[in-house]
Amino acid sequence: MKKILVFIYDQMADFEVTYAAHLLGASAGKKIITVGYEDKVVRSKCGVAYMPDQVIKNVEVDDDVEGLIIPGGWNHEVREELISLIRALNEKHRLLAAICAGPRFLAKAGVLDHKKFTTSLTEWKDTHRELFKEEDPFPRENFQMARVLTDRNIVTAQGYAFIDFAIEICDWLSLFDTKEEKDDFAKILVDYNFNS
């Protein structure tokens, strides 16, 4: 069974990735594996507790691992084992999907250096320097203001575009047969959400 890794960490915005995980796990038959820094419970921004299935340093990037999804959040911790995982997946051209502030992890790993991306961190302010304890890690020349953006194996999105993000991930994994099928699915979601 093909696997999708979902990075979980304290203060993550879990709602940004749960719809993508639902589509991939429940509808597409992928095995969703939560990964964290340690074998302990983490709490999302809203207070929901999550337990990782695996510790990142024990993850093997085998043929069954199709990619990694990273939610946004305001936790400044970036450990070397996450950077190594991101780089290993990138070298194998596997999916790297990050939303809201999540692309910061991709920037820290250097995988955005030659790829277009978007993020909710549209500019690096003093509050970001203080919170994340660093200067701007993003290659700003590659930033584009967009709801969601795909460049090769990288899918990034603004935090409010979590439905678009989920659809784009499904598209990258070739879960739609045609562009029309993708567009129809997106239209159904919009119609349902605004006309229900």
N, C-alpha and C. Protein backbone atom coordinates (compact mmCIF):
# COMPACT_ATOMS: atom_id res chain seq x y z
N MET A 1 0.85 -1.19 0.00
CA MET A 1 0.00 0.00 0.00
C MET A 1 0.89 1.25 0.00
N LYS A 2 0.57 2.21 -0.84
CA LYS A 2 1.33 3.45 -0.92
C LYS A 2 1.08 4.30 0.32
N LYS A 3 2.12 5.00 0.76
CA LYS A 3 2.05 5.74 2.02
C LYS A 3 2.28 7.23 1.80
N ILE A 4 1.55 8.01 2.58
CA ILE A 4 1.74 9.46 2.64
C ILE A 4 2.09 9.80 4.08
N LEU A 5 3.20 10.48 4.26
CA LEU A 5 3.62 10.92 5.59
C LEU A 5 3.00 12.27 5.89
N VAL A 6 2.56 12.47 7.11
CA VAL A 6 2.04 13.77 7.56
C VAL A 6 2.83 14.15 8.81
N PHE A 7 3.57 15.24 8.72
CA PHE A 7 4.36 15.73 9.84
C PHE A 7 3.43 16.39 10.86
N ILE A 8 3.52 15.93 12.12
CA ILE A 8 2.71 16.54 13.19
C ILE A 8 3.65 17.10 14.25
N TYR A 9 3.25 18.25 14.79
CA TYR A 9 4.10 18.93 15.77
C TYR A 9 3.25 19.85 16.63
N ASP A 10 3.77 20.22 17.79
CA ASP A 10 3.04 21.10 18.69
C ASP A 10 2.69 22.42 18.01
N GLN A 11 1.44 22.83 18.20
CA GLN A 11 0.91 24.09 17.69
C GLN A 11 0.70 24.10 16.17
N MET A 12 0.64 22.93 15.55
CA MET A 12 0.33 22.87 14.12
C MET A 12 -1.13 23.25 13.89
N ALA A 13 -1.41 23.76 12.71
CA ALA A 13 -2.79 24.06 12.30
C ALA A 13 -3.33 22.82 11.59
N ASP A 14 -3.82 21.88 12.36
CA ASP A 14 -4.21 20.57 11.83
C ASP A 14 -5.31 20.63 10.77
N PHE A 15 -6.21 21.61 10.87
CA PHE A 15 -7.30 21.70 9.90
C PHE A 15 -6.79 21.89 8.47
N GLU A 16 -5.57 22.40 8.33
CA GLU A 16 -5.03 22.68 7.00
C GLU A 16 -4.68 21.41 6.22
N VAL A 17 -4.54 20.29 6.93
CA VAL A 17 -4.15 19.05 6.24
C VAL A 17 -5.15 17.90 6.42
N THR A 18 -6.14 18.07 7.28
CA THR A 18 -7.05 16.95 7.53
C THR A 18 -7.90 16.60 6.30
N TYR A 19 -8.29 17.59 5.50
CA TYR A 19 -9.09 17.26 4.31
C TYR A 19 -8.24 16.51 3.29
N ALA A 20 -7.01 16.92 3.11
CA ALA A 20 -6.10 16.20 2.20
C ALA A 20 -5.92 14.77 2.70
N ALA A 21 -5.68 14.59 3.99
CA ALA A 21 -5.50 13.26 4.56
C ALA A 21 -6.76 12.42 4.37
N HIS A 22 -7.93 13.04 4.53
CA HIS A 22 -9.20 12.33 4.33
C HIS A 22 -9.32 11.84 2.88
N LEU A 23 -9.09 12.73 1.93
CA LEU A 23 -9.21 12.34 0.52
C LEU A 23 -8.23 11.22 0.18
N LEU A 24 -7.01 11.34 0.67
CA LEU A 24 -5.98 10.36 0.34
C LEU A 24 -6.21 9.03 1.06
N GLY A 25 -6.60 9.09 2.32
CA GLY A 25 -6.79 7.87 3.10
C GLY A 25 -8.11 7.18 2.83
N ALA A 26 -9.19 7.93 2.94
CA ALA A 26 -10.52 7.33 2.82
C ALA A 26 -10.95 7.11 1.37
N SER A 27 -10.60 8.03 0.49
CA SER A 27 -11.07 7.94 -0.90
C SER A 27 -10.06 7.31 -1.85
N ALA A 28 -8.76 7.53 -1.61
CA ALA A 28 -7.75 7.04 -2.55
C ALA A 28 -7.00 5.81 -2.05
N GLY A 29 -7.31 5.35 -0.85
CA GLY A 29 -6.70 4.13 -0.35
C GLY A 29 -5.23 4.22 0.02
N LYS A 30 -4.73 5.42 0.27
CA LYS A 30 -3.34 5.59 0.71
C LYS A 30 -3.27 5.34 2.22
N LYS A 31 -2.13 4.88 2.68
CA LYS A 31 -1.92 4.71 4.11
C LYS A 31 -1.33 6.02 4.64
N ILE A 32 -2.05 6.67 5.54
CA ILE A 32 -1.59 7.92 6.13
C ILE A 32 -0.77 7.59 7.37
N ILE A 33 0.47 8.05 7.39
CA ILE A 33 1.36 7.79 8.51
C ILE A 33 1.79 9.13 9.10
N THR A 34 1.40 9.35 10.36
CA THR A 34 1.82 10.58 11.03
C THR A 34 3.24 10.38 11.56
N VAL A 35 4.07 11.40 11.36
CA VAL A 35 5.45 11.35 11.82
C VAL A 35 5.74 12.57 12.68
N GLY A 36 6.49 12.35 13.74
CA GLY A 36 6.85 13.43 14.65
C GLY A 36 8.29 13.30 15.10
N TYR A 37 8.76 14.32 15.80
CA TYR A 37 10.14 14.30 16.29
C TYR A 37 10.36 13.23 17.35
N GLU A 38 9.36 13.03 18.19
CA GLU A 38 9.49 12.09 19.30
C GLU A 38 8.24 11.23 19.40
N ASP A 39 8.37 10.13 20.12
CA ASP A 39 7.26 9.21 20.33
C ASP A 39 6.42 9.71 21.51
N LYS A 40 5.76 10.84 21.30
CA LYS A 40 4.93 11.42 22.35
C LYS A 40 3.82 12.25 21.73
N VAL A 41 2.80 12.49 22.52
CA VAL A 41 1.65 13.26 22.05
C VAL A 41 2.04 14.70 21.76
N VAL A 42 1.50 15.22 20.65
CA VAL A 42 1.63 16.65 20.34
C VAL A 42 0.22 17.23 20.31
N ARG A 43 0.11 18.51 20.56
CA ARG A 43 -1.20 19.19 20.55
C ARG A 43 -1.23 20.24 19.45
N SER A 44 -2.29 20.17 18.67
CA SER A 44 -2.46 21.15 17.61
C SER A 44 -2.85 22.50 18.21
N LYS A 45 -2.89 23.51 17.37
CA LYS A 45 -3.25 24.87 17.81
C LYS A 45 -4.62 24.89 18.50
N CYS A 46 -5.55 24.06 18.03
CA CYS A 46 -6.89 24.03 18.62
C CYS A 46 -6.98 23.14 19.85
N GLY A 47 -5.90 22.42 20.18
CA GLY A 47 -5.89 21.62 21.39
C GLY A 47 -6.11 20.13 21.20
N VAL A 48 -6.31 19.67 19.95
CA VAL A 48 -6.49 18.25 19.70
C VAL A 48 -5.14 17.54 19.86
N ALA A 49 -5.17 16.40 20.53
CA ALA A 49 -3.95 15.63 20.76
C ALA A 49 -3.73 14.60 19.64
N TYR A 50 -2.49 14.50 19.18
CA TYR A 50 -2.10 13.55 18.14
C TYR A 50 -0.90 12.76 18.62
N MET A 51 -0.87 11.49 18.27
CA MET A 51 0.27 10.63 18.58
C MET A 51 0.89 10.19 17.25
N PRO A 52 2.18 10.43 17.04
CA PRO A 52 2.78 10.01 15.77
C PRO A 52 2.84 8.50 15.63
N ASP A 53 2.66 8.02 14.41
CA ASP A 53 2.83 6.60 14.11
C ASP A 53 4.30 6.21 14.13
N GLN A 54 5.14 7.15 13.72
CA GLN A 54 6.58 6.89 13.63
C GLN A 54 7.36 8.13 14.05
N VAL A 55 8.56 7.91 14.54
CA VAL A 55 9.50 8.99 14.81
C VAL A 55 10.26 9.25 13.51
N ILE A 56 10.44 10.50 13.15
CA ILE A 56 11.03 10.86 11.86
C ILE A 56 12.37 10.18 11.62
N LYS A 57 13.22 10.14 12.63
CA LYS A 57 14.55 9.57 12.41
C LYS A 57 14.50 8.08 12.06
N ASN A 58 13.35 7.42 12.25
CA ASN A 58 13.21 6.00 11.91
C ASN A 58 12.50 5.77 10.58
N VAL A 59 12.11 6.85 9.90
CA VAL A 59 11.38 6.72 8.63
C VAL A 59 12.34 6.31 7.52
N GLU A 60 11.96 5.27 6.79
CA GLU A 60 12.70 4.86 5.60
C GLU A 60 11.97 5.36 4.37
N VAL A 61 12.70 6.02 3.49
CA VAL A 61 12.08 6.51 2.25
C VAL A 61 12.18 5.38 1.22
N ASP A 62 11.26 4.42 1.37
CA ASP A 62 11.24 3.30 0.43
C ASP A 62 10.31 3.61 -0.74
N ASP A 63 10.13 2.64 -1.62
CA ASP A 63 9.32 2.86 -2.83
C ASP A 63 7.86 3.12 -2.53
N ASP A 64 7.38 2.73 -1.35
CA ASP A 64 5.97 2.93 -1.00
C ASP A 64 5.66 4.33 -0.50
N VAL A 65 6.67 5.08 -0.09
CA VAL A 65 6.45 6.44 0.42
C VAL A 65 6.33 7.40 -0.77
N GLU A 66 5.13 7.94 -0.93
CA GLU A 66 4.88 8.84 -2.07
C GLU A 66 5.13 10.31 -1.75
N GLY A 67 5.13 10.65 -0.47
CA GLY A 67 5.36 12.05 -0.17
C GLY A 67 5.12 12.41 1.28
N LEU A 68 5.28 13.71 1.54
CA LEU A 68 5.16 14.29 2.87
C LEU A 68 4.28 15.52 2.81
N ILE A 69 3.35 15.62 3.77
CA ILE A 69 2.48 16.80 3.89
C ILE A 69 2.82 17.48 5.21
N ILE A 70 2.99 18.82 5.14
CA ILE A 70 3.37 19.60 6.32
C ILE A 70 2.33 20.69 6.56
N PRO A 71 1.67 20.68 7.72
CA PRO A 71 0.73 21.76 8.05
C PRO A 71 1.49 23.01 8.49
N GLY A 72 0.78 24.12 8.49
CA GLY A 72 1.36 25.34 9.03
C GLY A 72 1.32 25.33 10.54
N GLY A 73 1.94 26.31 11.13
CA GLY A 73 1.96 26.42 12.58
C GLY A 73 3.06 27.36 13.03
N TRP A 74 3.04 27.69 14.29
CA TRP A 74 3.96 28.71 14.80
C TRP A 74 5.03 28.14 15.72
N ASN A 75 5.42 26.89 15.49
CA ASN A 75 6.48 26.27 16.27
C ASN A 75 7.80 26.51 15.55
N HIS A 76 8.78 27.08 16.24
CA HIS A 76 10.04 27.45 15.61
C HIS A 76 11.02 26.29 15.43
N GLU A 77 10.75 25.15 16.08
CA GLU A 77 11.72 24.05 16.09
C GLU A 77 11.83 23.36 14.73
N VAL A 78 13.04 23.32 14.20
CA VAL A 78 13.32 22.60 12.96
C VAL A 78 14.54 21.71 13.24
N ARG A 79 14.30 20.41 13.32
CA ARG A 79 15.38 19.48 13.63
C ARG A 79 16.00 18.90 12.36
N GLU A 80 17.23 18.50 12.51
CA GLU A 80 18.01 17.97 11.38
C GLU A 80 17.35 16.74 10.76
N GLU A 81 16.68 15.91 11.55
CA GLU A 81 16.05 14.71 10.98
C GLU A 81 14.91 15.06 10.02
N LEU A 82 14.22 16.16 10.28
CA LEU A 82 13.18 16.59 9.34
C LEU A 82 13.81 17.13 8.07
N ILE A 83 14.86 17.92 8.21
CA ILE A 83 15.57 18.45 7.04
C ILE A 83 16.07 17.29 6.17
N SER A 84 16.64 16.27 6.80
CA SER A 84 17.15 15.10 6.07
C SER A 84 16.03 14.36 5.35
N LEU A 85 14.88 14.21 6.00
CA LEU A 85 13.74 13.54 5.37
C LEU A 85 13.26 14.33 4.16
N ILE A 86 13.12 15.64 4.31
CA ILE A 86 12.68 16.49 3.18
C ILE A 86 13.65 16.35 2.02
N ARG A 87 14.93 16.43 2.29
CA ARG A 87 15.94 16.33 1.22
C ARG A 87 15.92 14.95 0.55
N ALA A 88 15.75 13.90 1.34
CA ALA A 88 15.70 12.54 0.78
C ALA A 88 14.49 12.38 -0.15
N LEU A 89 13.35 12.91 0.27
CA LEU A 89 12.15 12.84 -0.57
C LEU A 89 12.33 13.68 -1.83
N ASN A 90 12.93 14.84 -1.70
CA ASN A 90 13.15 15.71 -2.85
C ASN A 90 14.08 15.06 -3.86
N GLU A 91 15.14 14.41 -3.39
CA GLU A 91 16.08 13.74 -4.29
C GLU A 91 15.40 12.65 -5.10
N LYS A 92 14.36 12.04 -4.54
CA LYS A 92 13.63 10.99 -5.24
C LYS A 92 12.40 11.54 -5.96
N HIS A 93 12.29 12.87 -6.00
CA HIS A 93 11.18 13.56 -6.70
C HIS A 93 9.82 13.14 -6.17
N ARG A 94 9.75 12.93 -4.85
CA ARG A 94 8.48 12.59 -4.21
C ARG A 94 7.76 13.88 -3.83
N LEU A 95 6.49 13.77 -3.59
CA LEU A 95 5.67 14.92 -3.21
C LEU A 95 6.15 15.56 -1.91
N LEU A 96 6.31 16.87 -1.94
CA LEU A 96 6.53 17.68 -0.74
C LEU A 96 5.47 18.76 -0.75
N ALA A 97 4.49 18.64 0.14
CA ALA A 97 3.36 19.56 0.17
C ALA A 97 3.33 20.28 1.52
N ALA A 98 3.30 21.61 1.48
CA ALA A 98 3.30 22.40 2.71
C ALA A 98 2.36 23.59 2.54
N ILE A 99 1.69 23.92 3.63
CA ILE A 99 0.67 24.97 3.59
C ILE A 99 0.91 26.01 4.69
N CYS A 100 0.46 27.22 4.43
CA CYS A 100 0.53 28.33 5.37
C CYS A 100 1.98 28.63 5.74
N ALA A 101 2.38 28.42 7.00
CA ALA A 101 3.77 28.63 7.41
C ALA A 101 4.60 27.37 7.18
N GLY A 102 3.98 26.26 6.80
CA GLY A 102 4.67 25.01 6.57
C GLY A 102 5.80 25.06 5.55
N PRO A 103 5.67 25.88 4.47
CA PRO A 103 6.77 25.96 3.52
C PRO A 103 8.09 26.43 4.13
N ARG A 104 8.03 27.00 5.32
CA ARG A 104 9.27 27.39 6.01
C ARG A 104 10.19 26.18 6.20
N PHE A 105 9.61 25.02 6.51
CA PHE A 105 10.42 23.81 6.67
C PHE A 105 11.10 23.44 5.35
N LEU A 106 10.39 23.60 4.24
CA LEU A 106 10.96 23.33 2.92
C LEU A 106 12.08 24.31 2.60
N ALA A 107 11.86 25.58 2.97
CA ALA A 107 12.89 26.60 2.75
C ALA A 107 14.15 26.28 3.55
N LYS A 108 13.96 25.86 4.79
CA LYS A 108 15.11 25.53 5.65
C LYS A 108 15.90 24.35 5.07
N ALA A 109 15.22 23.45 4.37
CA ALA A 109 15.89 22.30 3.76
C ALA A 109 16.53 22.65 2.41
N GLY A 110 16.26 23.86 1.91
CA GLY A 110 16.86 24.31 0.66
C GLY A 110 16.16 23.82 -0.60
N VAL A 111 14.99 23.18 -0.47
CA VAL A 111 14.34 22.62 -1.65
C VAL A 111 13.51 23.65 -2.44
N LEU A 112 13.39 24.86 -1.90
CA LEU A 112 12.66 25.91 -2.63
C LEU A 112 13.61 26.82 -3.41
N ASP A 113 14.91 26.55 -3.34
CA ASP A 113 15.89 27.45 -3.94
C ASP A 113 15.70 27.65 -5.44
N HIS A 114 15.19 26.65 -6.13
CA HIS A 114 15.00 26.77 -7.59
C HIS A 114 13.58 26.42 -7.99
N LYS A 115 12.64 26.63 -7.07
CA LYS A 115 11.24 26.31 -7.36
C LYS A 115 10.34 27.45 -6.90
N LYS A 116 9.27 27.67 -7.66
CA LYS A 116 8.27 28.66 -7.27
C LYS A 116 7.47 28.11 -6.09
N PHE A 117 7.04 29.01 -5.21
CA PHE A 117 6.28 28.59 -4.05
C PHE A 117 5.39 29.74 -3.58
N THR A 118 4.45 29.40 -2.70
CA THR A 118 3.67 30.40 -2.00
C THR A 118 3.65 30.03 -0.52
N THR A 119 3.28 30.98 0.31
CA THR A 119 3.19 30.78 1.75
C THR A 119 2.36 31.91 2.34
N SER A 120 1.78 31.67 3.50
CA SER A 120 1.08 32.75 4.20
C SER A 120 2.05 33.75 4.81
N LEU A 121 3.32 33.39 4.91
CA LEU A 121 4.36 34.30 5.39
C LEU A 121 4.83 35.14 4.21
N THR A 122 3.95 36.01 3.73
CA THR A 122 4.21 36.75 2.50
C THR A 122 5.38 37.72 2.61
N GLU A 123 5.67 38.17 3.80
CA GLU A 123 6.88 38.95 4.05
C GLU A 123 7.36 38.63 5.46
N TRP A 124 8.65 38.77 5.67
CA TRP A 124 9.26 38.40 6.95
C TRP A 124 9.31 39.63 7.83
N LYS A 125 8.51 39.64 8.87
CA LYS A 125 8.40 40.81 9.75
C LYS A 125 9.16 40.57 11.05
N ASP A 126 9.28 41.61 11.85
CA ASP A 126 9.95 41.49 13.15
C ASP A 126 9.29 40.42 14.02
N THR A 127 7.96 40.32 13.93
CA THR A 127 7.27 39.30 14.72
C THR A 127 7.71 37.89 14.32
N HIS A 128 7.97 37.68 13.02
CA HIS A 128 8.44 36.38 12.55
C HIS A 128 9.87 36.12 13.03
N ARG A 129 10.71 37.14 12.97
CA ARG A 129 12.09 37.00 13.47
C ARG A 129 12.09 36.59 14.93
N GLU A 130 11.21 37.24 15.69
CA GLU A 130 11.15 36.96 17.12
C GLU A 130 10.57 35.56 17.39
N LEU A 131 9.49 35.23 16.71
CA LEU A 131 8.82 33.95 16.92
C LEU A 131 9.65 32.76 16.47
N PHE A 132 10.19 32.85 15.24
CA PHE A 132 10.93 31.73 14.67
C PHE A 132 12.43 31.77 15.01
N LYS A 133 12.86 32.88 15.61
CA LYS A 133 14.26 33.03 16.07
C LYS A 133 15.26 32.92 14.91
N GLU A 134 14.93 33.56 13.78
CA GLU A 134 15.82 33.51 12.62
C GLU A 134 15.46 34.61 11.63
N GLU A 135 16.38 34.84 10.72
CA GLU A 135 16.11 35.74 9.60
C GLU A 135 15.28 34.97 8.56
N ASP A 136 14.77 35.67 7.61
CA ASP A 136 13.92 35.09 6.57
C ASP A 136 14.64 33.93 5.86
N PRO A 137 14.08 32.70 5.94
CA PRO A 137 14.73 31.55 5.30
C PRO A 137 14.32 31.36 3.84
N PHE A 138 13.33 32.14 3.37
CA PHE A 138 12.77 31.92 2.04
C PHE A 138 13.60 32.56 0.93
N PRO A 139 13.73 31.88 -0.21
CA PRO A 139 14.30 32.51 -1.40
C PRO A 139 13.20 33.37 -2.04
N ARG A 140 13.09 34.61 -1.61
CA ARG A 140 11.96 35.47 -1.98
C ARG A 140 11.81 35.67 -3.48
N GLU A 141 12.87 35.53 -4.24
CA GLU A 141 12.78 35.70 -5.69
C GLU A 141 11.88 34.64 -6.32
N ASN A 142 11.63 33.54 -5.60
CA ASN A 142 10.79 32.45 -6.12
C ASN A 142 9.35 32.50 -5.59
N PHE A 143 9.08 33.43 -4.67
CA PHE A 143 7.74 33.54 -4.08
C PHE A 143 6.75 34.09 -5.10
N GLN A 144 5.55 33.53 -5.10
CA GLN A 144 4.45 34.06 -5.91
C GLN A 144 3.19 34.10 -5.05
N MET A 145 2.45 35.18 -5.17
CA MET A 145 1.19 35.30 -4.44
C MET A 145 0.14 34.47 -5.18
N ALA A 146 -0.24 33.35 -4.58
CA ALA A 146 -1.21 32.44 -5.19
C ALA A 146 -1.90 31.67 -4.08
N ARG A 147 -3.11 31.20 -4.34
CA ARG A 147 -3.81 30.36 -3.36
C ARG A 147 -3.06 29.05 -3.16
N VAL A 148 -2.70 28.44 -4.28
CA VAL A 148 -1.95 27.18 -4.27
C VAL A 148 -1.03 27.20 -5.48
N LEU A 149 0.12 26.55 -5.35
CA LEU A 149 1.10 26.58 -6.42
C LEU A 149 1.85 25.26 -6.46
N THR A 150 1.99 24.70 -7.67
CA THR A 150 2.76 23.47 -7.85
C THR A 150 3.93 23.76 -8.77
N ASP A 151 5.12 23.36 -8.34
CA ASP A 151 6.31 23.44 -9.18
C ASP A 151 7.05 22.12 -9.02
N ARG A 152 6.98 21.32 -10.06
CA ARG A 152 7.54 19.97 -10.06
C ARG A 152 6.97 19.16 -8.89
N ASN A 153 7.78 18.75 -7.93
CA ASN A 153 7.27 17.90 -6.84
C ASN A 153 6.85 18.69 -5.60
N ILE A 154 6.84 20.02 -5.71
CA ILE A 154 6.51 20.87 -4.56
C ILE A 154 5.11 21.47 -4.73
N VAL A 155 4.24 21.25 -3.73
CA VAL A 155 2.91 21.88 -3.70
C VAL A 155 2.87 22.74 -2.44
N THR A 156 2.59 24.05 -2.63
CA THR A 156 2.49 24.97 -1.49
C THR A 156 1.18 25.73 -1.60
N ALA A 157 0.71 26.23 -0.45
CA ALA A 157 -0.57 26.93 -0.45
C ALA A 157 -0.64 27.94 0.68
N GLN A 158 -1.51 28.92 0.51
CA GLN A 158 -1.87 29.83 1.57
C GLN A 158 -2.75 29.05 2.56
N GLY A 159 -2.73 29.43 3.83
CA GLY A 159 -3.46 28.69 4.85
C GLY A 159 -4.96 28.61 4.62
N TYR A 160 -5.56 29.66 4.06
CA TYR A 160 -7.00 29.66 3.84
C TYR A 160 -7.41 28.77 2.67
N ALA A 161 -6.45 28.32 1.87
CA ALA A 161 -6.74 27.55 0.66
C ALA A 161 -6.56 26.04 0.88
N PHE A 162 -6.96 25.55 2.05
CA PHE A 162 -6.72 24.15 2.38
C PHE A 162 -7.50 23.18 1.50
N ILE A 163 -8.64 23.59 0.95
CA ILE A 163 -9.37 22.72 0.03
C ILE A 163 -8.64 22.65 -1.31
N ASP A 164 -8.20 23.80 -1.81
CA ASP A 164 -7.42 23.85 -3.05
C ASP A 164 -6.15 23.01 -2.89
N PHE A 165 -5.52 23.11 -1.72
CA PHE A 165 -4.31 22.37 -1.39
C PHE A 165 -4.56 20.87 -1.50
N ALA A 166 -5.65 20.41 -0.91
CA ALA A 166 -6.00 18.98 -0.96
C ALA A 166 -6.23 18.52 -2.40
N ILE A 167 -6.93 19.32 -3.18
CA ILE A 167 -7.20 18.97 -4.58
C ILE A 167 -5.90 18.91 -5.38
N GLU A 168 -5.02 19.88 -5.14
CA GLU A 168 -3.75 19.92 -5.87
C GLU A 168 -2.85 18.72 -5.53
N ILE A 169 -2.88 18.32 -4.27
CA ILE A 169 -2.14 17.11 -3.87
C ILE A 169 -2.69 15.89 -4.59
N CYS A 170 -4.02 15.76 -4.62
CA CYS A 170 -4.65 14.64 -5.33
C CYS A 170 -4.29 14.66 -6.81
N ASP A 171 -4.26 15.85 -7.39
CA ASP A 171 -3.90 15.97 -8.80
C ASP A 171 -2.45 15.56 -9.03
N TRP A 172 -1.55 16.00 -8.14
CA TRP A 172 -0.14 15.64 -8.28
C TRP A 172 0.05 14.13 -8.21
N LEU A 173 -0.74 13.47 -7.41
CA LEU A 173 -0.67 12.02 -7.26
C LEU A 173 -1.47 11.28 -8.35
N SER A 174 -1.92 12.03 -9.36
CA SER A 174 -2.64 11.48 -10.52
C SER A 174 -3.93 10.77 -10.14
N LEU A 175 -4.67 11.35 -9.18
CA LEU A 175 -5.93 10.75 -8.76
C LEU A 175 -7.12 11.21 -9.61
N PHE A 176 -6.88 12.18 -10.49
CA PHE A 176 -7.89 12.61 -11.45
C PHE A 176 -7.44 12.12 -12.83
N ASP A 177 -8.37 11.62 -13.62
CA ASP A 177 -8.01 11.12 -14.95
C ASP A 177 -7.78 12.26 -15.95
N THR A 178 -8.53 13.36 -15.75
CA THR A 178 -8.42 14.49 -16.68
C THR A 178 -8.52 15.80 -15.90
N LYS A 179 -8.15 16.89 -16.57
CA LYS A 179 -8.29 18.21 -15.96
C LYS A 179 -9.77 18.51 -15.70
N GLU A 180 -10.63 18.05 -16.59
CA GLU A 180 -12.07 18.27 -16.43
C GLU A 180 -12.59 17.58 -15.16
N GLU A 181 -12.09 16.38 -14.89
CA GLU A 181 -12.50 15.66 -13.69
C GLU A 181 -12.06 16.44 -12.43
N LYS A 182 -10.84 16.96 -12.46
CA LYS A 182 -10.34 17.78 -11.35
C LYS A 182 -11.22 19.02 -11.18
N ASP A 183 -11.49 19.72 -12.28
CA ASP A 183 -12.30 20.94 -12.22
C ASP A 183 -13.72 20.65 -11.73
N ASP A 184 -14.30 19.54 -12.19
CA ASP A 184 -15.64 19.16 -11.75
C ASP A 184 -15.67 18.87 -10.25
N PHE A 185 -14.64 18.17 -9.76
CA PHE A 185 -14.55 17.86 -8.33
C PHE A 185 -14.47 19.15 -7.53
N ALA A 186 -13.64 20.09 -7.97
CA ALA A 186 -13.51 21.37 -7.27
C ALA A 186 -14.83 22.13 -7.29
N LYS A 187 -15.52 22.10 -8.41
CA LYS A 187 -16.80 22.81 -8.52
C LYS A 187 -17.85 22.20 -7.58
N ILE A 188 -17.87 20.88 -7.48
CA ILE A 188 -18.80 20.21 -6.57
C ILE A 188 -18.55 20.67 -5.14
N LEU A 189 -17.29 20.76 -4.74
CA LEU A 189 -16.95 21.20 -3.40
C LEU A 189 -17.40 22.63 -3.14
N VAL A 190 -17.16 23.50 -4.09
CA VAL A 190 -17.57 24.91 -3.95
C VAL A 190 -19.08 25.01 -3.87
N ASP A 191 -19.78 24.33 -4.79
CA ASP A 191 -21.23 24.37 -4.78
C ASP A 191 -21.79 23.82 -3.46
N TYR A 192 -21.21 22.73 -2.98
CA TYR A 192 -21.68 22.13 -1.73
C TYR A 192 -21.47 23.07 -0.55
N ASN A 193 -20.30 23.68 -0.48
CA ASN A 193 -19.97 24.54 0.65
C ASN A 193 -20.72 25.85 0.66
N PHE A 194 -21.06 26.36 -0.52
CA PHE A 194 -21.72 27.67 -0.55
C PHE A 194 -23.22 27.59 -0.81
N ASN A 195 -23.71 26.43 -1.21
CA ASN A 195 -25.14 26.31 -1.50
C ASN A 195 -25.85 25.34 -0.58
N SER A 196 -25.16 24.85 0.44
CA SER A 196 -25.79 23.89 1.37
C SER A 196 -26.50 24.62 2.48
